[in-house]
Amino acid sequence: MFSLQRREFLKTSAALGATVALPWAALARKVKKPLFDISLAQWSLHKAFFAKKLDPADFAKIAKTDYGILAVEYVNQFYTDKKKDDEYLKDLKKRADDQGVTSVLIMCDREGDLGDADEKKRQTAVDNHVRWIEWAKHLGCHSIRVNAKSTGTYDEQMERAADGLRKLSVIGDTHGINVIVENHGGLSSNGEWLAATIKKADHKRCGTLPDFGNFNLGDGKEYDRYKGVQELMPFAKGVSAKSHDFDDKGDETHTDYRKMMKIVLAAGYGGYVGVEYEGSKIGEPEGIKATKKLLEVVRAEMGR
């Protein structure tokens, strides 16, 4: 008698459990990945970090606690004196892990010109970047962002930059790390030139980090930012949503984010889009929040 009642109870419980589980299973199937995720570029707080108002070691915690952002993009300039400090690097990773924050990439500057006309100096620049590849590997980043600075004619700069990028990408590949180039002044702000340079480098680890706002060619000339991003997106392994100023509707006044994000998504990109506020009319915290909100609004308008 007891065994029969127990069997019936178990059957009923199992059936009830299955019934309750069904809606959740259906819901799980309907949950879609966001069109893109949002990360925070450390440069957005460069004034505070340079003024030592914030500690670079706390970057992951700051991103999560102050801005609700769970992915970060480091800037090597804030860690120059810690470059060879393994214990500091381990602690930086632990801090990010403890916060549940993803380390996306490291932006690298002041390590020499990868397109230097002097072959020995070009190789030195390559060598100088290797330690940041090691940092990226340890932190769990997918890339280091570098510059394609060079001198000479249009074609000479392409040849030299492609050579340096290829050599560094070969090293990056041994660590599973990408070497990505941002449009960042000079010929690198010419989308056509940079896209051709990446093609010439001809390595699977070599790509781009299209920036919405860095298309200043110098001498008062500006490359069309929408054309530039469109040219760079086929090679993109990251995207930098540069912002400066906002109107009373919350839109960035220099870049049409809706138009720009359509270009980004049309290229099939679905990775992180980094908040990189660089304005001065409002504070860094306010600029970060405004940029994040705008990206969230645009994402919602586009579907999810």
C-alpha atoms as a PDB file:
ATOM      1  CA  MET A   1       0.000   0.000   0.000  1.00  0.00           C
ATOM      2  CA  PHE A   2       2.735   2.410   1.004  1.00  0.00           C
ATOM      3  CA  SER A   3       4.884   1.487  -2.023  1.00  0.00           C
ATOM      4  CA  LEU A   4       1.949   2.081  -4.393  1.00  0.00           C
ATOM      5  CA  GLN A   5       1.227   5.493  -2.876  1.00  0.00           C
ATOM      6  CA  ARG A   6       4.916   6.386  -3.074  1.00  0.00           C
ATOM      7  CA  ARG A   7       5.093   5.396  -6.747  1.00  0.00           C
ATOM      8  CA  GLU A   8       2.025   7.484  -7.552  1.00  0.00           C
ATOM      9  CA  PHE A   9       3.485  10.408  -5.627  1.00  0.00           C
ATOM     10  CA  LEU A  10       6.760  10.201  -7.552  1.00  0.00           C
ATOM     11  CA  LYS A  11       4.918  10.037 -10.890  1.00  0.00           C
ATOM     12  CA  THR A  12       2.806  13.028  -9.982  1.00  0.00           C
ATOM     13  CA  SER A  13       5.839  14.996  -8.791  1.00  0.00           C
ATOM     14  CA  ALA A  14       7.762  14.176 -11.956  1.00  0.00           C
ATOM     15  CA  ALA A  15       4.855  15.234 -14.144  1.00  0.00           C
ATOM     16  CA  LEU A  16       4.409  18.436 -12.180  1.00  0.00           C
ATOM     17  CA  GLY A  17       8.137  19.164 -12.409  1.00  0.00           C
ATOM     18  CA  ALA A  18       8.079  18.681 -16.158  1.00  0.00           C
ATOM     19  CA  THR A  19       5.047  20.945 -16.467  1.00  0.00           C
ATOM     20  CA  VAL A  20       6.702  23.691 -14.465  1.00  0.00           C
ATOM     21  CA  ALA A  21       9.954  23.325 -16.385  1.00  0.00           C
ATOM     22  CA  LEU A  22       8.383  23.668 -19.813  1.00  0.00           C
ATOM     23  CA  PRO A  23       7.711  27.416 -19.729  1.00  0.00           C
ATOM     24  CA  TRP A  24      11.249  28.065 -18.519  1.00  0.00           C
ATOM     25  CA  ALA A  25      12.711  25.896 -21.262  1.00  0.00           C
ATOM     26  CA  ALA A  26      10.636  27.724 -23.841  1.00  0.00           C
ATOM     27  CA  LEU A  27      11.710  31.039 -22.366  1.00  0.00           C
ATOM     28  CA  ALA A  28      15.359  30.031 -22.488  1.00  0.00           C
ATOM     29  CA  ARG A  29      15.005  29.233 -26.189  1.00  0.00           C
ATOM     30  CA  LYS A  30      13.552  32.659 -26.815  1.00  0.00           C
ATOM     31  CA  VAL A  31      16.357  34.515 -25.016  1.00  0.00           C
ATOM     32  CA  LYS A  32      18.659  35.903 -27.686  1.00  0.00           C
ATOM     33  CA  LYS A  33      22.195  37.145 -27.433  1.00  0.00           C
ATOM     34  CA  PRO A  34      22.427  40.960 -27.549  1.00  0.00           C
ATOM     35  CA  LEU A  35      23.329  42.463 -30.907  1.00  0.00           C
ATOM     36  CA  PHE A  36      26.538  43.604 -29.238  1.00  0.00           C
ATOM     37  CA  ASP A  37      28.009  43.801 -25.748  1.00  0.00           C
ATOM     38  CA  ILE A  38      29.321  46.969 -24.115  1.00  0.00           C
ATOM     39  CA  SER A  39      32.796  47.382 -22.643  1.00  0.00           C
ATOM     40  CA  LEU A  40      34.550  50.352 -21.036  1.00  0.00           C
ATOM     41  CA  ALA A  41      37.756  51.784 -22.442  1.00  0.00           C
ATOM     42  CA  GLN A  42      40.055  52.901 -19.639  1.00  0.00           C
ATOM     43  CA  TRP A  43      40.915  56.049 -21.598  1.00  0.00           C
ATOM     44  CA  SER A  44      37.427  57.323 -20.743  1.00  0.00           C
ATOM     45  CA  LEU A  45      38.841  58.030 -17.280  1.00  0.00           C
ATOM     46  CA  HIS A  46      42.316  59.136 -18.340  1.00  0.00           C
ATOM     47  CA  LYS A  47      42.112  62.493 -16.572  1.00  0.00           C
ATOM     48  CA  ALA A  48      41.262  60.838 -13.262  1.00  0.00           C
ATOM     49  CA  PHE A  49      43.931  58.151 -13.659  1.00  0.00           C
ATOM     50  CA  PHE A  50      46.680  60.565 -14.680  1.00  0.00           C
ATOM     51  CA  ALA A  51      45.734  62.828 -11.765  1.00  0.00           C
ATOM     52  CA  LYS A  52      45.937  59.757  -9.501  1.00  0.00           C
ATOM     53  CA  LYS A  53      42.381  60.310  -8.317  1.00  0.00           C
ATOM     54  CA  LEU A  54      41.730  56.695  -9.291  1.00  0.00           C
ATOM     55  CA  ASP A  55      43.932  53.615  -8.964  1.00  0.00           C
ATOM     56  CA  PRO A  56      44.431  51.692 -12.244  1.00  0.00           C
ATOM     57  CA  ALA A  57      44.420  48.456 -10.224  1.00  0.00           C
ATOM     58  CA  ASP A  58      40.757  49.139  -9.393  1.00  0.00           C
ATOM     59  CA  PHE A  59      39.639  49.581 -13.003  1.00  0.00           C
ATOM     60  CA  ALA A  60      37.522  46.419 -13.173  1.00  0.00           C
ATOM     61  CA  LYS A  61      35.753  47.280  -9.925  1.00  0.00           C
ATOM     62  CA  ILE A  62      35.164  50.868 -11.092  1.00  0.00           C
ATOM     63  CA  ALA A  63      33.658  49.666 -14.367  1.00  0.00           C
ATOM     64  CA  LYS A  64      31.248  47.325 -12.621  1.00  0.00           C
ATOM     65  CA  THR A  65      30.376  49.328  -9.510  1.00  0.00           C
ATOM     66  CA  ASP A  66      30.165  52.830 -10.967  1.00  0.00           C
ATOM     67  CA  TYR A  67      28.897  52.102 -14.469  1.00  0.00           C
ATOM     68  CA  GLY A  68      27.407  48.611 -14.511  1.00  0.00           C
ATOM     69  CA  ILE A  69      29.816  47.535 -17.249  1.00  0.00           C
ATOM     70  CA  LEU A  70      31.229  44.016 -17.051  1.00  0.00           C
ATOM     71  CA  ALA A  71      34.008  44.194 -19.642  1.00  0.00           C
ATOM     72  CA  VAL A  72      37.088  46.410 -19.740  1.00  0.00           C
ATOM     73  CA  GLU A  73      39.708  47.659 -22.189  1.00  0.00           C
ATOM     74  CA  TYR A  74      42.981  48.528 -20.494  1.00  0.00           C
ATOM     75  CA  VAL A  75      45.447  51.270 -21.509  1.00  0.00           C
ATOM     76  CA  ASN A  76      49.114  50.346 -21.092  1.00  0.00           C
ATOM     77  CA  GLN A  77      50.115  53.938 -20.221  1.00  0.00           C
ATOM     78  CA  PHE A  78      48.626  53.481 -16.760  1.00  0.00           C
ATOM     79  CA  TYR A  79      50.758  50.397 -16.099  1.00  0.00           C
ATOM     80  CA  THR A  80      54.114  51.365 -17.613  1.00  0.00           C
ATOM     81  CA  ASP A  81      55.980  51.101 -14.318  1.00  0.00           C
ATOM     82  CA  LYS A  82      54.365  47.701 -13.702  1.00  0.00           C
ATOM     83  CA  LYS A  83      55.139  46.267 -17.129  1.00  0.00           C
ATOM     84  CA  LYS A  84      57.565  43.642 -15.840  1.00  0.00           C
ATOM     85  CA  ASP A  85      55.858  43.081 -12.479  1.00  0.00           C
ATOM     86  CA  ASP A  86      54.390  39.570 -12.578  1.00  0.00           C
ATOM     87  CA  GLU A  87      52.829  39.854  -9.133  1.00  0.00           C
ATOM     88  CA  TYR A  88      51.014  43.045 -10.066  1.00  0.00           C
ATOM     89  CA  LEU A  89      49.730  41.368 -13.229  1.00  0.00           C
ATOM     90  CA  LYS A  90      48.439  38.386 -11.247  1.00  0.00           C
ATOM     91  CA  ASP A  91      46.701  40.727  -8.820  1.00  0.00           C
ATOM     92  CA  LEU A  92      45.132  42.708 -11.682  1.00  0.00           C
ATOM     93  CA  LYS A  93      43.683  39.507 -13.108  1.00  0.00           C
ATOM     94  CA  LYS A  94      42.411  38.397  -9.706  1.00  0.00           C
ATOM     95  CA  ARG A  95      40.680  41.730  -9.196  1.00  0.00           C
ATOM     96  CA  ALA A  96      38.893  41.422 -12.535  1.00  0.00           C
ATOM     97  CA  ASP A  97      37.973  37.790 -11.871  1.00  0.00           C
ATOM     98  CA  ASP A  98      36.670  38.608  -8.397  1.00  0.00           C
ATOM     99  CA  GLN A  99      34.343  41.202  -9.928  1.00  0.00           C
ATOM    100  CA  GLY A 100      33.232  38.865 -12.718  1.00  0.00           C
ATOM    101  CA  VAL A 101      34.579  41.348 -15.245  1.00  0.00           C
ATOM    102  CA  THR A 102      35.907  40.290 -18.653  1.00  0.00           C
ATOM    103  CA  SER A 103      39.234  41.701 -19.848  1.00  0.00           C
ATOM    104  CA  VAL A 104      38.802  42.465 -23.554  1.00  0.00           C
ATOM    105  CA  LEU A 105      41.973  44.129 -24.824  1.00  0.00           C
ATOM    106  CA  ILE A 106      44.939  46.345 -23.984  1.00  0.00           C
ATOM    107  CA  MET A 107      45.524  49.618 -25.845  1.00  0.00           C
ATOM    108  CA  CYS A 108      49.267  50.056 -26.365  1.00  0.00           C
ATOM    109  CA  ASP A 109      51.087  53.326 -26.987  1.00  0.00           C
ATOM    110  CA  ARG A 110      54.606  54.758 -26.609  1.00  0.00           C
ATOM    111  CA  GLU A 111      56.409  51.520 -27.439  1.00  0.00           C
ATOM    112  CA  GLY A 112      58.004  52.659 -30.702  1.00  0.00           C
ATOM    113  CA  ASP A 113      56.712  52.857 -34.264  1.00  0.00           C
ATOM    114  CA  LEU A 114      55.769  49.555 -35.872  1.00  0.00           C
ATOM    115  CA  GLY A 115      56.209  51.266 -39.238  1.00  0.00           C
ATOM    116  CA  ASP A 116      59.541  52.941 -38.473  1.00  0.00           C
ATOM    117  CA  ALA A 117      61.657  53.588 -41.573  1.00  0.00           C
ATOM    118  CA  ASP A 118      64.677  52.190 -39.724  1.00  0.00           C
ATOM    119  CA  GLU A 119      64.367  48.415 -39.781  1.00  0.00           C
ATOM    120  CA  LYS A 120      66.216  47.979 -36.476  1.00  0.00           C
ATOM    121  CA  LYS A 121      63.973  50.507 -34.717  1.00  0.00           C
ATOM    122  CA  ARG A 122      60.949  48.793 -36.261  1.00  0.00           C
ATOM    123  CA  GLN A 123      62.093  45.484 -34.806  1.00  0.00           C
ATOM    124  CA  THR A 124      62.682  47.146 -31.435  1.00  0.00           C
ATOM    125  CA  ALA A 125      59.087  48.412 -31.522  1.00  0.00           C
ATOM    126  CA  VAL A 126      57.918  44.864 -32.213  1.00  0.00           C
ATOM    127  CA  ASP A 127      59.998  43.567 -29.298  1.00  0.00           C
ATOM    128  CA  ASN A 128      58.659  46.283 -26.985  1.00  0.00           C
ATOM    129  CA  HIS A 129      55.080  45.151 -27.602  1.00  0.00           C
ATOM    130  CA  VAL A 130      55.701  41.484 -26.777  1.00  0.00           C
ATOM    131  CA  ARG A 131      55.345  41.974 -23.023  1.00  0.00           C
ATOM    132  CA  TRP A 132      51.866  43.469 -23.560  1.00  0.00           C
ATOM    133  CA  ILE A 133      50.932  40.392 -25.554  1.00  0.00           C
ATOM    134  CA  GLU A 134      51.939  38.384 -22.493  1.00  0.00           C
ATOM    135  CA  TRP A 135      49.804  40.666 -20.334  1.00  0.00           C
ATOM    136  CA  ALA A 136      46.847  40.208 -22.650  1.00  0.00           C
ATOM    137  CA  LYS A 137      47.249  36.442 -22.559  1.00  0.00           C
ATOM    138  CA  HIS A 138      47.389  36.345 -18.765  1.00  0.00           C
ATOM    139  CA  LEU A 139      44.421  38.687 -18.298  1.00  0.00           C
ATOM    140  CA  GLY A 140      42.279  36.765 -20.767  1.00  0.00           C
ATOM    141  CA  CYS A 141      42.110  39.510 -23.406  1.00  0.00           C
ATOM    142  CA  HIS A 142      41.662  38.641 -27.065  1.00  0.00           C
ATOM    143  CA  SER A 143      43.844  41.468 -28.445  1.00  0.00           C
ATOM    144  CA  ILE A 144      46.323  44.244 -27.993  1.00  0.00           C
ATOM    145  CA  ARG A 145      45.583  47.474 -29.838  1.00  0.00           C
ATOM    146  CA  VAL A 146      48.601  49.018 -31.552  1.00  0.00           C
ATOM    147  CA  ASN A 147      49.338  51.943 -33.859  1.00  0.00           C
ATOM    148  CA  ALA A 148      50.501  51.853 -37.479  1.00  0.00           C
ATOM    149  CA  LYS A 149      52.629  54.985 -37.298  1.00  0.00           C
ATOM    150  CA  SER A 150      55.219  55.428 -40.030  1.00  0.00           C
ATOM    151  CA  THR A 151      56.952  57.973 -42.270  1.00  0.00           C
ATOM    152  CA  GLY A 152      57.568  58.280 -45.994  1.00  0.00           C
ATOM    153  CA  THR A 153      55.287  58.150 -48.987  1.00  0.00           C
ATOM    154  CA  TYR A 154      51.831  56.592 -48.971  1.00  0.00           C
ATOM    155  CA  ASP A 155      53.175  53.286 -50.306  1.00  0.00           C
ATOM    156  CA  GLU A 156      56.353  53.323 -48.205  1.00  0.00           C
ATOM    157  CA  GLN A 157      54.359  53.748 -45.006  1.00  0.00           C
ATOM    158  CA  MET A 158      52.068  50.908 -46.009  1.00  0.00           C
ATOM    159  CA  GLU A 159      55.014  48.604 -46.663  1.00  0.00           C
ATOM    160  CA  ARG A 160      56.764  49.478 -43.400  1.00  0.00           C
ATOM    161  CA  ALA A 161      53.682  49.319 -41.206  1.00  0.00           C
ATOM    162  CA  ALA A 162      52.565  46.037 -42.746  1.00  0.00           C
ATOM    163  CA  ASP A 163      55.999  44.550 -42.058  1.00  0.00           C
ATOM    164  CA  GLY A 164      55.952  45.520 -38.383  1.00  0.00           C
ATOM    165  CA  LEU A 165      52.359  44.398 -37.933  1.00  0.00           C
ATOM    166  CA  ARG A 166      53.018  41.049 -39.583  1.00  0.00           C
ATOM    167  CA  LYS A 167      56.039  40.357 -37.377  1.00  0.00           C
ATOM    168  CA  LEU A 168      54.105  41.228 -34.222  1.00  0.00           C
ATOM    169  CA  SER A 169      51.077  39.203 -35.357  1.00  0.00           C
ATOM    170  CA  VAL A 170      53.244  36.121 -35.810  1.00  0.00           C
ATOM    171  CA  ILE A 171      54.313  36.469 -32.173  1.00  0.00           C
ATOM    172  CA  GLY A 172      50.756  37.195 -31.081  1.00  0.00           C
ATOM    173  CA  ASP A 173      49.597  34.018 -32.758  1.00  0.00           C
ATOM    174  CA  THR A 174      51.867  31.891 -30.566  1.00  0.00           C
ATOM    175  CA  HIS A 175      49.976  33.314 -27.566  1.00  0.00           C
ATOM    176  CA  GLY A 176      46.525  33.252 -29.146  1.00  0.00           C
ATOM    177  CA  ILE A 177      46.406  37.066 -29.122  1.00  0.00           C
ATOM    178  CA  ASN A 178      45.297  39.369 -31.937  1.00  0.00           C
ATOM    179  CA  VAL A 179      47.151  42.516 -32.985  1.00  0.00           C
ATOM    180  CA  ILE A 180      44.594  45.143 -33.924  1.00  0.00           C
ATOM    181  CA  VAL A 181      45.123  48.629 -35.325  1.00  0.00           C
ATOM    182  CA  GLU A 182      43.070  51.693 -34.514  1.00  0.00           C
ATOM    183  CA  ASN A 183      42.606  54.630 -36.853  1.00  0.00           C
ATOM    184  CA  HIS A 184      44.735  56.921 -34.722  1.00  0.00           C
ATOM    185  CA  GLY A 185      46.183  59.822 -36.684  1.00  0.00           C
ATOM    186  CA  GLY A 186      48.308  60.239 -39.797  1.00  0.00           C
ATOM    187  CA  LEU A 187      47.637  57.796 -42.618  1.00  0.00           C
ATOM    188  CA  SER A 188      46.055  55.360 -40.169  1.00  0.00           C
ATOM    189  CA  SER A 189      43.079  57.758 -40.101  1.00  0.00           C
ATOM    190  CA  ASN A 190      42.649  57.135 -43.819  1.00  0.00           C
ATOM    191  CA  GLY A 191      40.332  54.122 -43.879  1.00  0.00           C
ATOM    192  CA  GLU A 192      41.388  53.061 -47.359  1.00  0.00           C
ATOM    193  CA  TRP A 193      45.087  53.122 -46.445  1.00  0.00           C
ATOM    194  CA  LEU A 194      44.636  51.230 -43.188  1.00  0.00           C
ATOM    195  CA  ALA A 195      42.431  48.560 -44.767  1.00  0.00           C
ATOM    196  CA  ALA A 196      45.027  48.050 -47.516  1.00  0.00           C
ATOM    197  CA  THR A 197      47.807  47.881 -44.907  1.00  0.00           C
ATOM    198  CA  ILE A 198      45.988  45.145 -42.987  1.00  0.00           C
ATOM    199  CA  LYS A 199      45.544  43.221 -46.215  1.00  0.00           C
ATOM    200  CA  LYS A 200      49.235  43.615 -46.962  1.00  0.00           C
ATOM    201  CA  ALA A 201      50.189  42.388 -43.482  1.00  0.00           C
ATOM    202  CA  ASP A 202      48.259  39.273 -44.456  1.00  0.00           C
ATOM    203  CA  HIS A 203      47.972  37.505 -41.115  1.00  0.00           C
ATOM    204  CA  LYS A 204      44.870  36.051 -39.473  1.00  0.00           C
ATOM    205  CA  ARG A 205      45.796  37.675 -36.158  1.00  0.00           C
ATOM    206  CA  CYS A 206      46.122  41.149 -37.655  1.00  0.00           C
ATOM    207  CA  GLY A 207      42.912  43.204 -37.675  1.00  0.00           C
ATOM    208  CA  THR A 208      41.389  46.559 -36.845  1.00  0.00           C
ATOM    209  CA  LEU A 209      39.741  48.455 -34.008  1.00  0.00           C
ATOM    210  CA  PRO A 210      37.544  50.972 -35.865  1.00  0.00           C
ATOM    211  CA  ASP A 211      37.110  54.160 -33.827  1.00  0.00           C
ATOM    212  CA  PHE A 212      34.094  56.364 -34.534  1.00  0.00           C
ATOM    213  CA  GLY A 213      35.982  59.607 -34.098  1.00  0.00           C
ATOM    214  CA  ASN A 214      39.689  59.295 -34.957  1.00  0.00           C
ATOM    215  CA  PHE A 215      39.625  60.378 -38.589  1.00  0.00           C
ATOM    216  CA  ASN A 216      41.684  63.566 -38.365  1.00  0.00           C
ATOM    217  CA  LEU A 217      44.179  63.531 -41.240  1.00  0.00           C
ATOM    218  CA  GLY A 218      45.913  66.735 -40.161  1.00  0.00           C
ATOM    219  CA  ASP A 219      46.070  70.177 -41.798  1.00  0.00           C
ATOM    220  CA  GLY A 220      42.391  70.626 -41.067  1.00  0.00           C
ATOM    221  CA  LYS A 221      41.422  67.622 -43.205  1.00  0.00           C
ATOM    222  CA  GLU A 222      38.947  65.017 -41.983  1.00  0.00           C
ATOM    223  CA  TYR A 223      38.325  61.584 -43.478  1.00  0.00           C
ATOM    224  CA  ASP A 224      34.663  60.623 -43.740  1.00  0.00           C
ATOM    225  CA  ARG A 225      34.061  58.649 -40.551  1.00  0.00           C
ATOM    226  CA  TYR A 226      31.237  56.515 -41.912  1.00  0.00           C
ATOM    227  CA  LYS A 227      33.214  55.566 -45.003  1.00  0.00           C
ATOM    228  CA  GLY A 228      36.245  54.874 -42.836  1.00  0.00           C
ATOM    229  CA  VAL A 229      34.451  52.590 -40.410  1.00  0.00           C
ATOM    230  CA  GLN A 230      32.827  50.740 -43.309  1.00  0.00           C
ATOM    231  CA  GLU A 231      36.265  50.156 -44.849  1.00  0.00           C
ATOM    232  CA  LEU A 232      37.714  48.894 -41.565  1.00  0.00           C
ATOM    233  CA  MET A 233      34.855  46.672 -40.400  1.00  0.00           C
ATOM    234  CA  PRO A 234      35.776  43.619 -42.544  1.00  0.00           C
ATOM    235  CA  PHE A 235      38.911  43.304 -40.393  1.00  0.00           C
ATOM    236  CA  ALA A 236      37.407  44.401 -37.065  1.00  0.00           C
ATOM    237  CA  LYS A 237      38.030  42.395 -33.904  1.00  0.00           C
ATOM    238  CA  GLY A 238      36.728  45.244 -31.744  1.00  0.00           C
ATOM    239  CA  VAL A 239      34.898  48.569 -32.081  1.00  0.00           C
ATOM    240  CA  SER A 240      35.519  51.823 -30.222  1.00  0.00           C
ATOM    241  CA  ALA A 241      32.479  54.075 -29.744  1.00  0.00           C
ATOM    242  CA  LYS A 242      34.255  57.418 -29.389  1.00  0.00           C
ATOM    243  CA  SER A 243      32.144  60.224 -27.945  1.00  0.00           C
ATOM    244  CA  HIS A 244      32.692  63.904 -27.149  1.00  0.00           C
ATOM    245  CA  ASP A 245      29.481  65.902 -26.834  1.00  0.00           C
ATOM    246  CA  PHE A 246      25.760  65.221 -26.445  1.00  0.00           C
ATOM    247  CA  ASP A 247      22.600  67.166 -27.238  1.00  0.00           C
ATOM    248  CA  ASP A 248      19.533  67.451 -25.012  1.00  0.00           C
ATOM    249  CA  LYS A 249      18.125  64.255 -26.555  1.00  0.00           C
ATOM    250  CA  GLY A 250      21.175  62.258 -25.531  1.00  0.00           C
ATOM    251  CA  ASP A 251      22.582  61.912 -29.048  1.00  0.00           C
ATOM    252  CA  GLU A 252      26.282  62.362 -29.767  1.00  0.00           C
ATOM    253  CA  THR A 253      26.672  65.571 -31.779  1.00  0.00           C
ATOM    254  CA  HIS A 254      29.648  64.502 -33.909  1.00  0.00           C
ATOM    255  CA  THR A 255      28.646  60.945 -34.797  1.00  0.00           C
ATOM    256  CA  ASP A 256      25.249  59.584 -35.768  1.00  0.00           C
ATOM    257  CA  TYR A 257      25.347  56.449 -33.617  1.00  0.00           C
ATOM    258  CA  ARG A 258      22.359  54.912 -35.359  1.00  0.00           C
ATOM    259  CA  LYS A 259      23.975  55.250 -38.757  1.00  0.00           C
ATOM    260  CA  MET A 260      27.326  54.086 -37.437  1.00  0.00           C
ATOM    261  CA  MET A 261      25.971  51.033 -35.626  1.00  0.00           C
ATOM    262  CA  LYS A 262      24.073  49.977 -38.747  1.00  0.00           C
ATOM    263  CA  ILE A 263      27.421  49.927 -40.553  1.00  0.00           C
ATOM    264  CA  VAL A 264      28.997  47.932 -37.705  1.00  0.00           C
ATOM    265  CA  LEU A 265      26.210  45.346 -37.569  1.00  0.00           C
ATOM    266  CA  ALA A 266      25.901  45.088 -41.344  1.00  0.00           C
ATOM    267  CA  ALA A 267      29.474  43.775 -41.329  1.00  0.00           C
ATOM    268  CA  GLY A 268      28.314  40.862 -39.175  1.00  0.00           C
ATOM    269  CA  TYR A 269      30.026  42.156 -36.057  1.00  0.00           C
ATOM    270  CA  GLY A 270      28.606  41.014 -32.720  1.00  0.00           C
ATOM    271  CA  GLY A 271      31.427  41.526 -30.233  1.00  0.00           C
ATOM    272  CA  TYR A 272      32.176  44.265 -27.732  1.00  0.00           C
ATOM    273  CA  VAL A 273      31.619  47.938 -28.490  1.00  0.00           C
ATOM    274  CA  GLY A 274      33.803  50.002 -26.190  1.00  0.00           C
ATOM    275  CA  VAL A 275      32.609  53.168 -24.503  1.00  0.00           C
ATOM    276  CA  GLU A 276      35.396  55.709 -25.048  1.00  0.00           C
ATOM    277  CA  TYR A 277      34.399  59.160 -23.834  1.00  0.00           C
ATOM    278  CA  GLU A 278      36.915  61.893 -24.650  1.00  0.00           C
ATOM    279  CA  GLY A 279      34.918  65.078 -24.193  1.00  0.00           C
ATOM    280  CA  SER A 280      35.371  67.999 -21.832  1.00  0.00           C
ATOM    281  CA  LYS A 281      32.017  69.769 -21.589  1.00  0.00           C
ATOM    282  CA  ILE A 282      30.780  67.265 -19.024  1.00  0.00           C
ATOM    283  CA  GLY A 283      32.743  65.180 -16.538  1.00  0.00           C
ATOM    284  CA  GLU A 284      34.215  61.784 -17.346  1.00  0.00           C
ATOM    285  CA  PRO A 285      31.629  59.861 -15.270  1.00  0.00           C
ATOM    286  CA  GLU A 286      28.752  61.720 -16.931  1.00  0.00           C
ATOM    287  CA  GLY A 287      30.264  61.184 -20.377  1.00  0.00           C
ATOM    288  CA  ILE A 288      30.658  57.458 -19.804  1.00  0.00           C
ATOM    289  CA  LYS A 289      27.071  57.122 -18.622  1.00  0.00           C
ATOM    290  CA  ALA A 290      25.754  59.162 -21.555  1.00  0.00           C
ATOM    291  CA  THR A 291      27.675  57.052 -24.078  1.00  0.00           C
ATOM    292  CA  LYS A 292      26.567  53.790 -22.494  1.00  0.00           C
ATOM    293  CA  LYS A 293      22.938  54.937 -22.432  1.00  0.00           C
ATOM    294  CA  LEU A 294      23.057  55.975 -26.083  1.00  0.00           C
ATOM    295  CA  LEU A 295      24.469  52.582 -27.092  1.00  0.00           C
ATOM    296  CA  GLU A 296      21.749  50.836 -25.083  1.00  0.00           C
ATOM    297  CA  VAL A 297      19.021  52.963 -26.686  1.00  0.00           C
ATOM    298  CA  VAL A 298      20.341  52.280 -30.181  1.00  0.00           C
ATOM    299  CA  ARG A 299      20.644  48.560 -29.432  1.00  0.00           C
ATOM    300  CA  ALA A 300      17.064  48.427 -28.177  1.00  0.00           C
ATOM    301  CA  GLU A 301      15.824  50.274 -31.274  1.00  0.00           C
ATOM    302  CA  MET A 302      17.598  47.764 -33.471  1.00  0.00           C
ATOM    303  CA  GLY A 303      15.912  44.820 -31.827  1.00  0.00           C
ATOM    304  CA  ARG A 304      17.660  43.710 -28.636  1.00  0.00           C
END
